[in-house]
Amino acid sequence: MEANMPILGMFPFATLKDQVEKEPERPFIVDVGGGKGQAMLAIETECPKFFGGNVILEDLPIVIDSLKSEDLPGIEPTVHDIFTLQPVKNAHVYFLRRLLHDFYNPVCLEILKNIVPAMGSVFF
C-alpha cells in the first residue's frame, strides 16, 4: 500500500536545506497526524539527518505510545490532537499526508484553522 502513496517527489524537501541550516531554531517539519512516521523516514533519505533541523511527529496517544524511539532516529514523537491548536510554532513545513481525506470539508477547515496561527508572520 505504501508504494502506491508516494512521498518523495511530491514536494522538493531538499530545496529547504539552506533555510533549515540558516534557521536551526525553527522546526524543519511537523508531521501532523503522522502515524508511525513512515513519511518522515522516507524524507530523511532525501534530507540526511534532516539538515540538523528538528522533525516532530504528532499523533494521538495510542499511536505515539506504540512507537519505539530507536525506530525513529532524529524524529521527536509528540502527542497532539488535530482538533486543538497546533503547539509547535513557526516550522518550515507543516506536513499533512493521508489525513484530510478522512473528513468532510467543514471539519478540514477546522483542522487547518488550528495550524494557521502556529505558522507565524513569516508566511504572511
PDB file of N, CA and C in Angstrom:
ATOM      1  N   MET A   1       0.823  -1.201   0.000  1.00  0.00           N
ATOM      2  CA  MET A   1       0.000   0.000   0.000  1.00  0.00           C
ATOM      3  C   MET A   1       0.866   1.263   0.000  1.00  0.00           C
ATOM      4  N   GLU A   2       1.895   1.276   0.842  1.00  0.00           N
ATOM      5  CA  GLU A   2       2.746   2.458   0.950  1.00  0.00           C
ATOM      6  C   GLU A   2       3.392   2.805  -0.390  1.00  0.00           C
ATOM      7  N   ALA A   3       3.718   1.809  -1.197  1.00  0.00           N
ATOM      8  CA  ALA A   3       4.333   2.054  -2.502  1.00  0.00           C
ATOM      9  C   ALA A   3       3.390   2.801  -3.437  1.00  0.00           C
ATOM     10  N   ASN A   4       2.097   2.678  -3.198  1.00  0.00           N
ATOM     11  CA  ASN A   4       1.110   3.369  -4.024  1.00  0.00           C
ATOM     12  C   ASN A   4       0.880   4.806  -3.572  1.00  0.00           C
ATOM     13  N   MET A   5       1.477   5.197  -2.470  1.00  0.00           N
ATOM     14  CA  MET A   5       1.292   6.524  -1.908  1.00  0.00           C
ATOM     15  C   MET A   5       2.645   7.224  -1.843  1.00  0.00           C
ATOM     16  N   PRO A   6       3.087   7.836  -2.931  1.00  0.00           N
ATOM     17  CA  PRO A   6       4.427   8.424  -2.949  1.00  0.00           C
ATOM     18  C   PRO A   6       4.577   9.552  -1.936  1.00  0.00           C
ATOM     19  N   ILE A   7       5.779   9.671  -1.429  1.00  0.00           N
ATOM     20  CA  ILE A   7       6.111  10.747  -0.502  1.00  0.00           C
ATOM     21  C   ILE A   7       7.114  11.667  -1.185  1.00  0.00           C
ATOM     22  N   LEU A   8       8.225  11.079  -1.589  1.00  0.00           N
ATOM     23  CA  LEU A   8       9.264  11.858  -2.260  1.00  0.00           C
ATOM     24  C   LEU A   8       8.807  12.203  -3.669  1.00  0.00           C
ATOM     25  N   GLY A   9       9.198  13.355  -4.110  1.00  0.00           N
ATOM     26  CA  GLY A   9       8.806  13.794  -5.440  1.00  0.00           C
ATOM     27  C   GLY A   9       7.535  14.627  -5.439  1.00  0.00           C
ATOM     28  N   MET A  10       6.798  14.608  -4.352  1.00  0.00           N
ATOM     29  CA  MET A  10       5.568  15.399  -4.262  1.00  0.00           C
ATOM     30  C   MET A  10       5.877  16.832  -3.813  1.00  0.00           C
ATOM     31  N   PHE A  11       6.961  16.993  -3.082  1.00  0.00           N
ATOM     32  CA  PHE A  11       7.409  18.307  -2.618  1.00  0.00           C
ATOM     33  C   PHE A  11       8.931  18.258  -2.549  1.00  0.00           C
ATOM     34  N   PRO A  12       9.616  19.305  -2.980  1.00  0.00           N
ATOM     35  CA  PRO A  12      11.087  19.287  -3.002  1.00  0.00           C
ATOM     36  C   PRO A  12      11.699  19.629  -1.634  1.00  0.00           C
ATOM     37  N   PHE A  13      11.588  18.708  -0.683  1.00  0.00           N
ATOM     38  CA  PHE A  13      12.082  18.954   0.676  1.00  0.00           C
ATOM     39  C   PHE A  13      13.555  19.354   0.692  1.00  0.00           C
ATOM     40  N   ALA A  14      14.358  18.751  -0.162  1.00  0.00           N
ATOM     41  CA  ALA A  14      15.799  19.029  -0.175  1.00  0.00           C
ATOM     42  C   ALA A  14      16.109  20.483  -0.509  1.00  0.00           C
ATOM     43  N   THR A  15      15.194  21.173  -1.183  1.00  0.00           N
ATOM     44  CA  THR A  15      15.435  22.579  -1.535  1.00  0.00           C
ATOM     45  C   THR A  15      15.383  23.492  -0.309  1.00  0.00           C
ATOM     46  N   LEU A  16      14.919  22.977   0.818  1.00  0.00           N
ATOM     47  CA  LEU A  16      14.833  23.780   2.038  1.00  0.00           C
ATOM     48  C   LEU A  16      16.114  23.722   2.867  1.00  0.00           C
ATOM     49  N   LYS A  17      17.104  23.001   2.397  1.00  0.00           N
ATOM     50  CA  LYS A  17      18.346  22.786   3.149  1.00  0.00           C
ATOM     51  C   LYS A  17      18.953  24.089   3.659  1.00  0.00           C
ATOM     52  N   ASP A  18      19.152  25.063   2.784  1.00  0.00           N
ATOM     53  CA  ASP A  18      19.777  26.326   3.191  1.00  0.00           C
ATOM     54  C   ASP A  18      18.959  27.036   4.257  1.00  0.00           C
ATOM     55  N   GLN A  19      17.641  27.062   4.090  1.00  0.00           N
ATOM     56  CA  GLN A  19      16.777  27.718   5.076  1.00  0.00           C
ATOM     57  C   GLN A  19      16.853  27.024   6.430  1.00  0.00           C
ATOM     58  N   VAL A  20      16.795  25.705   6.423  1.00  0.00           N
ATOM     59  CA  VAL A  20      16.820  24.940   7.674  1.00  0.00           C
ATOM     60  C   VAL A  20      18.148  25.154   8.395  1.00  0.00           C
ATOM     61  N   GLU A  21      19.241  25.137   7.660  1.00  0.00           N
ATOM     62  CA  GLU A  21      20.554  25.346   8.272  1.00  0.00           C
ATOM     63  C   GLU A  21      20.737  26.785   8.749  1.00  0.00           C
ATOM     64  N   LYS A  22      20.118  27.726   8.068  1.00  0.00           N
ATOM     65  CA  LYS A  22      20.214  29.142   8.433  1.00  0.00           C
ATOM     66  C   LYS A  22      19.381  29.463   9.674  1.00  0.00           C
ATOM     67  N   GLU A  23      18.282  28.737   9.869  1.00  0.00           N
ATOM     68  CA  GLU A  23      17.376  28.998  10.996  1.00  0.00           C
ATOM     69  C   GLU A  23      17.158  27.711  11.800  1.00  0.00           C
ATOM     70  N   PRO A  24      18.194  27.236  12.487  1.00  0.00           N
ATOM     71  CA  PRO A  24      18.082  25.957  13.199  1.00  0.00           C
ATOM     72  C   PRO A  24      17.106  25.984  14.373  1.00  0.00           C
ATOM     73  N   GLU A  25      16.745  27.167  14.825  1.00  0.00           N
ATOM     74  CA  GLU A  25      15.792  27.258  15.939  1.00  0.00           C
ATOM     75  C   GLU A  25      14.364  26.923  15.500  1.00  0.00           C
ATOM     76  N   ARG A  26      14.108  26.993  14.200  1.00  0.00           N
ATOM     77  CA  ARG A  26      12.779  26.654  13.679  1.00  0.00           C
ATOM     78  C   ARG A  26      12.709  25.164  13.379  1.00  0.00           C
ATOM     79  N   PRO A  27      11.640  24.499  13.790  1.00  0.00           N
ATOM     80  CA  PRO A  27      11.498  23.090  13.405  1.00  0.00           C
ATOM     81  C   PRO A  27      11.474  22.965  11.882  1.00  0.00           C
ATOM     82  N   PHE A  28      12.063  21.899  11.372  1.00  0.00           N
ATOM     83  CA  PHE A  28      12.070  21.651   9.933  1.00  0.00           C
ATOM     84  C   PHE A  28      10.689  21.189   9.489  1.00  0.00           C
ATOM     85  N   ILE A  29      10.218  20.073  10.038  1.00  0.00           N
ATOM     86  CA  ILE A  29       8.922  19.526   9.634  1.00  0.00           C
ATOM     87  C   ILE A  29       8.127  19.124  10.867  1.00  0.00           C
ATOM     88  N   VAL A  30       6.845  19.471  10.861  1.00  0.00           N
ATOM     89  CA  VAL A  30       5.891  18.937  11.823  1.00  0.00           C
ATOM     90  C   VAL A  30       4.966  18.031  11.022  1.00  0.00           C
ATOM     91  N   ASP A  31       5.021  16.747  11.315  1.00  0.00           N
ATOM     92  CA  ASP A  31       4.187  15.756  10.627  1.00  0.00           C
ATOM     93  C   ASP A  31       2.900  15.611  11.430  1.00  0.00           C
ATOM     94  N   VAL A  32       1.871  16.317  11.004  1.00  0.00           N
ATOM     95  CA  VAL A  32       0.596  16.383  11.724  1.00  0.00           C
ATOM     96  C   VAL A  32      -0.217  15.119  11.435  1.00  0.00           C
ATOM     97  N   GLY A  33      -0.560  14.387  12.491  1.00  0.00           N
ATOM     98  CA  GLY A  33      -1.289  13.132  12.302  1.00  0.00           C
ATOM     99  C   GLY A  33      -0.457  12.130  11.535  1.00  0.00           C
ATOM    100  N   GLY A  34       0.835  12.090  11.837  1.00  0.00           N
ATOM    101  CA  GLY A  34       1.798  11.341  11.036  1.00  0.00           C
ATOM    102  C   GLY A  34       1.903   9.854  11.272  1.00  0.00           C
ATOM    103  N   GLY A  35       1.046   9.304  12.116  1.00  0.00           N
ATOM    104  CA  GLY A  35       1.064   7.856  12.313  1.00  0.00           C
ATOM    105  C   GLY A  35       2.381   7.360  12.868  1.00  0.00           C
ATOM    106  N   LYS A  36       2.939   6.352  12.223  1.00  0.00           N
ATOM    107  CA  LYS A  36       4.157   5.707  12.718  1.00  0.00           C
ATOM    108  C   LYS A  36       5.437   6.320  12.157  1.00  0.00           C
ATOM    109  N   GLY A  37       5.318   7.414  11.418  1.00  0.00           N
ATOM    110  CA  GLY A  37       6.498   8.133  10.957  1.00  0.00           C
ATOM    111  C   GLY A  37       7.092   7.673   9.642  1.00  0.00           C
ATOM    112  N   GLN A  38       6.364   6.866   8.887  1.00  0.00           N
ATOM    113  CA  GLN A  38       6.892   6.354   7.621  1.00  0.00           C
ATOM    114  C   GLN A  38       7.281   7.471   6.663  1.00  0.00           C
ATOM    115  N   ALA A  39       6.470   8.507   6.600  1.00  0.00           N
ATOM    116  CA  ALA A  39       6.759   9.613   5.681  1.00  0.00           C
ATOM    117  C   ALA A  39       8.055  10.319   6.074  1.00  0.00           C
ATOM    118  N   MET A  40       8.250  10.552   7.370  1.00  0.00           N
ATOM    119  CA  MET A  40       9.463  11.242   7.806  1.00  0.00           C
ATOM    120  C   MET A  40      10.703  10.392   7.554  1.00  0.00           C
ATOM    121  N   LEU A  41      10.587   9.087   7.734  1.00  0.00           N
ATOM    122  CA  LEU A  41      11.721   8.201   7.446  1.00  0.00           C
ATOM    123  C   LEU A  41      12.079   8.251   5.963  1.00  0.00           C
ATOM    124  N   ALA A  42      11.082   8.336   5.106  1.00  0.00           N
ATOM    125  CA  ALA A  42      11.334   8.447   3.666  1.00  0.00           C
ATOM    126  C   ALA A  42      11.982   9.789   3.332  1.00  0.00           C
ATOM    127  N   ILE A  43      11.492  10.856   3.940  1.00  0.00           N
ATOM    128  CA  ILE A  43      12.041  12.192   3.683  1.00  0.00           C
ATOM    129  C   ILE A  43      13.493  12.273   4.149  1.00  0.00           C
ATOM    130  N   GLU A  44      13.811  11.580   5.231  1.00  0.00           N
ATOM    131  CA  GLU A  44      15.185  11.602   5.747  1.00  0.00           C
ATOM    132  C   GLU A  44      16.177  11.024   4.739  1.00  0.00           C
ATOM    133  N   THR A  45      15.720  10.139   3.870  1.00  0.00           N
ATOM    134  CA  THR A  45      16.616   9.592   2.842  1.00  0.00           C
ATOM    135  C   THR A  45      17.007  10.658   1.821  1.00  0.00           C
ATOM    136  N   GLU A  46      16.151  11.654   1.651  1.00  0.00           N
ATOM    137  CA  GLU A  46      16.416  12.764   0.727  1.00  0.00           C
ATOM    138  C   GLU A  46      17.083  13.939   1.441  1.00  0.00           C
ATOM    139  N   CYS A  47      16.877  14.017   2.740  1.00  0.00           N
ATOM    140  CA  CYS A  47      17.381  15.122   3.559  1.00  0.00           C
ATOM    141  C   CYS A  47      18.169  14.531   4.728  1.00  0.00           C
ATOM    142  N   PRO A  48      19.421  14.140   4.507  1.00  0.00           N
ATOM    143  CA  PRO A  48      20.194  13.442   5.541  1.00  0.00           C
ATOM    144  C   PRO A  48      20.187  14.165   6.890  1.00  0.00           C
ATOM    145  N   LYS A  49      19.837  13.405   7.914  1.00  0.00           N
ATOM    146  CA  LYS A  49      19.754  13.924   9.290  1.00  0.00           C
ATOM    147  C   LYS A  49      18.910  15.184   9.363  1.00  0.00           C
ATOM    148  N   PHE A  50      17.998  15.311   8.421  1.00  0.00           N
ATOM    149  CA  PHE A  50      17.058  16.437   8.363  1.00  0.00           C
ATOM    150  C   PHE A  50      17.777  17.785   8.389  1.00  0.00           C
ATOM    151  N   PHE A  51      18.991  17.801   7.821  1.00  0.00           N
ATOM    152  CA  PHE A  51      19.802  19.028   7.738  1.00  0.00           C
ATOM    153  C   PHE A  51      20.036  19.654   9.107  1.00  0.00           C
ATOM    154  N   GLY A  52      19.985  18.846  10.156  1.00  0.00           N
ATOM    155  CA  GLY A  52      20.198  19.343  11.506  1.00  0.00           C
ATOM    156  C   GLY A  52      18.962  19.962  12.127  1.00  0.00           C
ATOM    157  N   GLY A  53      17.851  19.976  11.420  1.00  0.00           N
ATOM    158  CA  GLY A  53      16.617  20.560  11.941  1.00  0.00           C
ATOM    159  C   GLY A  53      15.807  19.562  12.750  1.00  0.00           C
ATOM    160  N   ASN A  54      14.913  20.076  13.554  1.00  0.00           N
ATOM    161  CA  ASN A  54      14.022  19.229  14.345  1.00  0.00           C
ATOM    162  C   ASN A  54      12.872  18.746  13.484  1.00  0.00           C
ATOM    163  N   VAL A  55      12.524  17.485  13.652  1.00  0.00           N
ATOM    164  CA  VAL A  55      11.365  16.905  12.988  1.00  0.00           C
ATOM    165  C   VAL A  55      10.459  16.357  14.074  1.00  0.00           C
ATOM    166  N   ILE A  56       9.211  16.773  14.049  1.00  0.00           N
ATOM    167  CA  ILE A  56       8.250  16.409  15.081  1.00  0.00           C
ATOM    168  C   ILE A  56       7.130  15.602  14.455  1.00  0.00           C
ATOM    169  N   LEU A  57       6.903  14.431  15.001  1.00  0.00           N
ATOM    170  CA  LEU A  57       5.845  13.531  14.556  1.00  0.00           C
ATOM    171  C   LEU A  57       4.703  13.628  15.557  1.00  0.00           C
ATOM    172  N   GLU A  58       3.553  14.097  15.113  1.00  0.00           N
ATOM    173  CA  GLU A  58       2.403  14.268  16.003  1.00  0.00           C
ATOM    174  C   GLU A  58       1.313  13.255  15.688  1.00  0.00           C
ATOM    175  N   ASP A  59       0.735  12.712  16.741  1.00  0.00           N
ATOM    176  CA  ASP A  59      -0.441  11.857  16.596  1.00  0.00           C
ATOM    177  C   ASP A  59      -1.062  11.668  17.975  1.00  0.00           C
ATOM    178  N   LEU A  60      -2.116  10.885  18.014  1.00  0.00           N
ATOM    179  CA  LEU A  60      -2.827  10.625  19.263  1.00  0.00           C
ATOM    180  C   LEU A  60      -1.989   9.740  20.189  1.00  0.00           C
ATOM    181  N   PRO A  61      -2.295   9.753  21.493  1.00  0.00           N
ATOM    182  CA  PRO A  61      -1.508   8.961  22.449  1.00  0.00           C
ATOM    183  C   PRO A  61      -1.415   7.478  22.096  1.00  0.00           C
ATOM    184  N   ILE A  62      -2.490   6.887  21.621  1.00  0.00           N
ATOM    185  CA  ILE A  62      -2.464   5.457  21.303  1.00  0.00           C
ATOM    186  C   ILE A  62      -1.426   5.130  20.229  1.00  0.00           C
ATOM    187  N   VAL A  63      -1.201   6.063  19.320  1.00  0.00           N
ATOM    188  CA  VAL A  63      -0.204   5.863  18.258  1.00  0.00           C
ATOM    189  C   VAL A  63       1.197   6.152  18.789  1.00  0.00           C
ATOM    190  N   ILE A  64       1.365   7.300  19.403  1.00  0.00           N
ATOM    191  CA  ILE A  64       2.687   7.715  19.896  1.00  0.00           C
ATOM    192  C   ILE A  64       3.219   6.729  20.932  1.00  0.00           C
ATOM    193  N   ASP A  65       2.352   6.257  21.820  1.00  0.00           N
ATOM    194  CA  ASP A  65       2.782   5.319  22.860  1.00  0.00           C
ATOM    195  C   ASP A  65       3.224   3.973  22.296  1.00  0.00           C
ATOM    196  N   SER A  66       2.817   3.652  21.085  1.00  0.00           N
ATOM    197  CA  SER A  66       3.185   2.366  20.481  1.00  0.00           C
ATOM    198  C   SER A  66       4.531   2.413  19.756  1.00  0.00           C
ATOM    199  N   LEU A  67       5.116   3.599  19.644  1.00  0.00           N
ATOM    200  CA  LEU A  67       6.354   3.763  18.878  1.00  0.00           C
ATOM    201  C   LEU A  67       7.593   3.528  19.738  1.00  0.00           C
ATOM    202  N   LYS A  68       8.652   3.081  19.097  1.00  0.00           N
ATOM    203  CA  LYS A  68       9.949   2.916  19.752  1.00  0.00           C
ATOM    204  C   LYS A  68      10.877   3.996  19.215  1.00  0.00           C
ATOM    205  N   SER A  69      11.498   4.744  20.110  1.00  0.00           N
ATOM    206  CA  SER A  69      12.349   5.859  19.679  1.00  0.00           C
ATOM    207  C   SER A  69      13.496   5.396  18.788  1.00  0.00           C
ATOM    208  N   GLU A  70      13.997   4.174  18.996  1.00  0.00           N
ATOM    209  CA  GLU A  70      15.101   3.696  18.159  1.00  0.00           C
ATOM    210  C   GLU A  70      14.672   3.449  16.716  1.00  0.00           C
ATOM    211  N   ASP A  71      13.368   3.336  16.484  1.00  0.00           N
ATOM    212  CA  ASP A  71      12.864   3.157  15.119  1.00  0.00           C
ATOM    213  C   ASP A  71      12.689   4.484  14.384  1.00  0.00           C
ATOM    214  N   LEU A  72      12.822   5.588  15.118  1.00  0.00           N
ATOM    215  CA  LEU A  72      12.598   6.915  14.539  1.00  0.00           C
ATOM    216  C   LEU A  72      13.776   7.841  14.829  1.00  0.00           C
ATOM    217  N   PRO A  73      14.956   7.523  14.338  1.00  0.00           N
ATOM    218  CA  PRO A  73      16.118   8.362  14.637  1.00  0.00           C
ATOM    219  C   PRO A  73      15.944   9.787  14.112  1.00  0.00           C
ATOM    220  N   GLY A  74      16.198  10.742  15.003  1.00  0.00           N
ATOM    221  CA  GLY A  74      16.104  12.142  14.609  1.00  0.00           C
ATOM    222  C   GLY A  74      14.692  12.691  14.553  1.00  0.00           C
ATOM    223  N   ILE A  75      13.723  11.889  14.982  1.00  0.00           N
ATOM    224  CA  ILE A  75      12.316  12.298  14.942  1.00  0.00           C
ATOM    225  C   ILE A  75      11.784  12.320  16.368  1.00  0.00           C
ATOM    226  N   GLU A  76      11.083  13.391  16.714  1.00  0.00           N
ATOM    227  CA  GLU A  76      10.538  13.559  18.059  1.00  0.00           C
ATOM    228  C   GLU A  76       9.044  13.237  18.073  1.00  0.00           C
ATOM    229  N   PRO A  77       8.663  12.055  18.571  1.00  0.00           N
ATOM    230  CA  PRO A  77       7.237  11.725  18.661  1.00  0.00           C
ATOM    231  C   PRO A  77       6.566  12.575  19.740  1.00  0.00           C
ATOM    232  N   THR A  78       5.426  13.162  19.410  1.00  0.00           N
ATOM    233  CA  THR A  78       4.728  14.076  20.306  1.00  0.00           C
ATOM    234  C   THR A  78       3.227  13.837  20.224  1.00  0.00           C
ATOM    235  N   VAL A  79       2.592  13.803  21.379  1.00  0.00           N
ATOM    236  CA  VAL A  79       1.140  13.648  21.416  1.00  0.00           C
ATOM    237  C   VAL A  79       0.487  14.970  21.030  1.00  0.00           C
ATOM    238  N   HIS A  80      -0.426  14.894  20.076  1.00  0.00           N
ATOM    239  CA  HIS A  80      -1.195  16.076  19.675  1.00  0.00           C
ATOM    240  C   HIS A  80      -2.502  15.635  19.030  1.00  0.00           C
ATOM    241  N   ASP A  81      -3.558  16.345  19.352  1.00  0.00           N
ATOM    242  CA  ASP A  81      -4.888  16.120  18.780  1.00  0.00           C
ATOM    243  C   ASP A  81      -5.120  17.200  17.721  1.00  0.00           C
ATOM    244  N   ILE A  82      -5.406  16.796  16.495  1.00  0.00           N
ATOM    245  CA  ILE A  82      -5.569  17.746  15.393  1.00  0.00           C
ATOM    246  C   ILE A  82      -6.727  18.714  15.595  1.00  0.00           C
ATOM    247  N   PHE A  83      -7.601  18.429  16.560  1.00  0.00           N
ATOM    248  CA  PHE A  83      -8.742  19.308  16.808  1.00  0.00           C
ATOM    249  C   PHE A  83      -8.437  20.355  17.879  1.00  0.00           C
ATOM    250  N   THR A  84      -7.159  20.474  18.241  1.00  0.00           N
ATOM    251  CA  THR A  84      -6.718  21.518  19.164  1.00  0.00           C
ATOM    252  C   THR A  84      -5.666  22.368  18.451  1.00  0.00           C
ATOM    253  N   LEU A  85      -5.369  23.527  19.016  1.00  0.00           N
ATOM    254  CA  LEU A  85      -4.387  24.423  18.395  1.00  0.00           C
ATOM    255  C   LEU A  85      -3.023  23.754  18.277  1.00  0.00           C
ATOM    256  N   GLN A  86      -2.368  24.001  17.181  1.00  0.00           N
ATOM    257  CA  GLN A  86      -1.035  23.458  16.926  1.00  0.00           C
ATOM    258  C   GLN A  86      -0.049  24.086  17.907  1.00  0.00           C
ATOM    259  N   PRO A  87       0.619  23.266  18.735  1.00  0.00           N
ATOM    260  CA  PRO A  87       1.539  23.826  19.723  1.00  0.00           C
ATOM    261  C   PRO A  87       2.929  24.166  19.181  1.00  0.00           C
ATOM    262  N   VAL A  88       3.324  23.578  18.067  1.00  0.00           N
ATOM    263  CA  VAL A  88       4.665  23.817  17.517  1.00  0.00           C
ATOM    264  C   VAL A  88       4.593  25.019  16.581  1.00  0.00           C
ATOM    265  N   LYS A  89       5.329  26.043  16.937  1.00  0.00           N
ATOM    266  CA  LYS A  89       5.257  27.313  16.214  1.00  0.00           C
ATOM    267  C   LYS A  89       6.365  27.466  15.178  1.00  0.00           C
ATOM    268  N   ASN A  90       6.017  28.138  14.087  1.00  0.00           N
ATOM    269  CA  ASN A  90       6.981  28.654  13.109  1.00  0.00           C
ATOM    270  C   ASN A  90       7.836  27.584  12.423  1.00  0.00           C
ATOM    271  N   ALA A  91       7.275  26.420  12.166  1.00  0.00           N
ATOM    272  CA  ALA A  91       8.017  25.373  11.455  1.00  0.00           C
ATOM    273  C   ALA A  91       8.178  25.742   9.981  1.00  0.00           C
ATOM    274  N   HIS A  92       9.178  25.176   9.356  1.00  0.00           N
ATOM    275  CA  HIS A  92       9.347  25.370   7.913  1.00  0.00           C
ATOM    276  C   HIS A  92       8.218  24.689   7.147  1.00  0.00           C
ATOM    277  N   VAL A  93       7.816  23.495   7.613  1.00  0.00           N
ATOM    278  CA  VAL A  93       6.785  22.717   6.924  1.00  0.00           C
ATOM    279  C   VAL A  93       5.833  22.110   7.946  1.00  0.00           C
ATOM    280  N   TYR A  94       4.537  22.268   7.696  1.00  0.00           N
ATOM    281  CA  TYR A  94       3.502  21.514   8.417  1.00  0.00           C
ATOM    282  C   TYR A  94       2.985  20.500   7.411  1.00  0.00           C
ATOM    283  N   PHE A  95       3.275  19.245   7.662  1.00  0.00           N
ATOM    284  CA  PHE A  95       3.044  18.168   6.696  1.00  0.00           C
ATOM    285  C   PHE A  95       1.792  17.389   7.091  1.00  0.00           C
ATOM    286  N   LEU A  96       0.803  17.379   6.196  1.00  0.00           N
ATOM    287  CA  LEU A  96      -0.435  16.625   6.423  1.00  0.00           C
ATOM    288  C   LEU A  96      -0.591  15.656   5.261  1.00  0.00           C
ATOM    289  N   ARG A  97      -0.423  14.405   5.528  1.00  0.00           N
ATOM    290  CA  ARG A  97      -0.496  13.383   4.477  1.00  0.00           C
ATOM    291  C   ARG A  97      -1.483  12.314   4.912  1.00  0.00           C
ATOM    292  N   ARG A  98      -2.360  11.958   4.007  1.00  0.00           N
ATOM    293  CA  ARG A  98      -3.358  10.925   4.287  1.00  0.00           C
ATOM    294  C   ARG A  98      -4.143  11.261   5.559  1.00  0.00           C
ATOM    295  N   LEU A  99      -4.540  12.511   5.670  1.00  0.00           N
ATOM    296  CA  LEU A  99      -5.246  12.963   6.863  1.00  0.00           C
ATOM    297  C   LEU A  99      -6.568  13.627   6.505  1.00  0.00           C
ATOM    298  N   LEU A 100      -6.520  14.674   5.708  1.00  0.00           N
ATOM    299  CA  LEU A 100      -7.721  15.461   5.442  1.00  0.00           C
ATOM    300  C   LEU A 100      -8.776  14.688   4.664  1.00  0.00           C
ATOM    301  N   HIS A 101      -8.385  13.712   3.893  1.00  0.00           N
ATOM    302  CA  HIS A 101      -9.360  12.942   3.101  1.00  0.00           C
ATOM    303  C   HIS A 101     -10.339  12.165   3.982  1.00  0.00           C
ATOM    304  N   ASP A 102     -10.022  12.027   5.255  1.00  0.00           N
ATOM    305  CA  ASP A 102     -10.895  11.296   6.180  1.00  0.00           C
ATOM    306  C   ASP A 102     -12.086  12.129   6.655  1.00  0.00           C
ATOM    307  N   PHE A 103     -12.096  13.429   6.358  1.00  0.00           N
ATOM    308  CA  PHE A 103     -13.084  14.331   6.936  1.00  0.00           C
ATOM    309  C   PHE A 103     -13.820  15.139   5.866  1.00  0.00           C
ATOM    310  N   TYR A 104     -15.024  15.582   6.215  1.00  0.00           N
ATOM    311  CA  TYR A 104     -15.774  16.497   5.355  1.00  0.00           C
ATOM    312  C   TYR A 104     -15.104  17.863   5.369  1.00  0.00           C
ATOM    313  N   ASN A 105     -15.369  18.654   4.339  1.00  0.00           N
ATOM    314  CA  ASN A 105     -14.718  19.956   4.188  1.00  0.00           C
ATOM    315  C   ASN A 105     -14.811  20.857   5.412  1.00  0.00           C
ATOM    316  N   PRO A 106     -15.976  21.005   6.064  1.00  0.00           N
ATOM    317  CA  PRO A 106     -16.019  21.882   7.240  1.00  0.00           C
ATOM    318  C   PRO A 106     -15.074  21.423   8.360  1.00  0.00           C
ATOM    319  N   VAL A 107     -14.916  20.128   8.510  1.00  0.00           N
ATOM    320  CA  VAL A 107     -14.003  19.603   9.529  1.00  0.00           C
ATOM    321  C   VAL A 107     -12.555  19.867   9.108  1.00  0.00           C
ATOM    322  N   CYS A 108     -12.260  19.709   7.828  1.00  0.00           N
ATOM    323  CA  CYS A 108     -10.918  20.016   7.313  1.00  0.00           C
ATOM    324  C   CYS A 108     -10.557  21.470   7.582  1.00  0.00           C
ATOM    325  N   LEU A 109     -11.511  22.354   7.393  1.00  0.00           N
ATOM    326  CA  LEU A 109     -11.261  23.772   7.667  1.00  0.00           C
ATOM    327  C   LEU A 109     -10.907  23.994   9.128  1.00  0.00           C
ATOM    328  N   GLU A 110     -11.576  23.310  10.029  1.00  0.00           N
ATOM    329  CA  GLU A 110     -11.273  23.447  11.459  1.00  0.00           C
ATOM    330  C   GLU A 110      -9.868  22.933  11.762  1.00  0.00           C
ATOM    331  N   ILE A 111      -9.498  21.821  11.170  1.00  0.00           N
ATOM    332  CA  ILE A 111      -8.149  21.277  11.364  1.00  0.00           C
ATOM    333  C   ILE A 111      -7.110  22.286  10.878  1.00  0.00           C
ATOM    334  N   LEU A 112      -7.317  22.827   9.691  1.00  0.00           N
ATOM    335  CA  LEU A 112      -6.372  23.796   9.129  1.00  0.00           C
ATOM    336  C   LEU A 112      -6.340  25.094   9.935  1.00  0.00           C
ATOM    337  N   LYS A 113      -7.485  25.522  10.437  1.00  0.00           N
ATOM    338  CA  LYS A 113      -7.535  26.734  11.271  1.00  0.00           C
ATOM    339  C   LYS A 113      -6.728  26.561  12.555  1.00  0.00           C
ATOM    340  N   ASN A 114      -6.569  25.332  13.013  1.00  0.00           N
ATOM    341  CA  ASN A 114      -5.759  25.077  14.205  1.00  0.00           C
ATOM    342  C   ASN A 114      -4.263  25.160  13.918  1.00  0.00           C
ATOM    343  N   ILE A 115      -3.895  25.079  12.657  1.00  0.00           N
ATOM    344  CA  ILE A 115      -2.482  25.138  12.281  1.00  0.00           C
ATOM    345  C   ILE A 115      -2.054  26.554  11.911  1.00  0.00           C
ATOM    346  N   VAL A 116      -2.926  27.300  11.274  1.00  0.00           N
ATOM    347  CA  VAL A 116      -2.574  28.630  10.755  1.00  0.00           C
ATOM    348  C   VAL A 116      -1.936  29.537  11.810  1.00  0.00           C
ATOM    349  N   PRO A 117      -2.476  29.663  13.031  1.00  0.00           N
ATOM    350  CA  PRO A 117      -1.834  30.563  13.997  1.00  0.00           C
ATOM    351  C   PRO A 117      -0.401  30.162  14.355  1.00  0.00           C
ATOM    352  N   ALA A 118      -0.077  28.897  14.230  1.00  0.00           N
ATOM    353  CA  ALA A 118       1.274  28.432  14.558  1.00  0.00           C
ATOM    354  C   ALA A 118       2.293  28.834  13.503  1.00  0.00           C
ATOM    355  N   MET A 119       1.822  29.121  12.298  1.00  0.00           N
ATOM    356  CA  MET A 119       2.740  29.413  11.200  1.00  0.00           C
ATOM    357  C   MET A 119       3.518  30.702  11.403  1.00  0.00           C
ATOM    358  N   GLY A 120       2.973  31.641  12.103  1.00  0.00           N
ATOM    359  CA  GLY A 120       3.686  32.873  12.370  1.00  0.00           C
ATOM    360  C   GLY A 120       3.656  33.839  11.200  1.00  0.00           C
ATOM    361  N   SER A 121       4.177  35.026  11.430  1.00  0.00           N
ATOM    362  CA  SER A 121       4.112  36.099  10.440  1.00  0.00           C
ATOM    363  C   SER A 121       5.068  35.888   9.275  1.00  0.00           C
ATOM    364  N   VAL A 122       5.975  34.951   9.379  1.00  0.00           N
ATOM    365  CA  VAL A 122       6.926  34.682   8.306  1.00  0.00           C
ATOM    366  C   VAL A 122       6.205  34.306   7.015  1.00  0.00           C
ATOM    367  N   PHE A 123       4.994  33.799   7.128  1.00  0.00           N
ATOM    368  CA  PHE A 123       4.255  33.323   5.970  1.00  0.00           C
ATOM    369  C   PHE A 123       3.277  34.344   5.412  1.00  0.00           C
ATOM    370  N   PHE A 124       3.125  35.485   6.068  1.00  0.00           N
ATOM    371  CA  PHE A 124       2.115  36.453   5.630  1.00  0.00           C
ATOM    372  C   PHE A 124       2.740  37.777   5.278  1.00  0.00           C
TER     373      PHE A 124
END
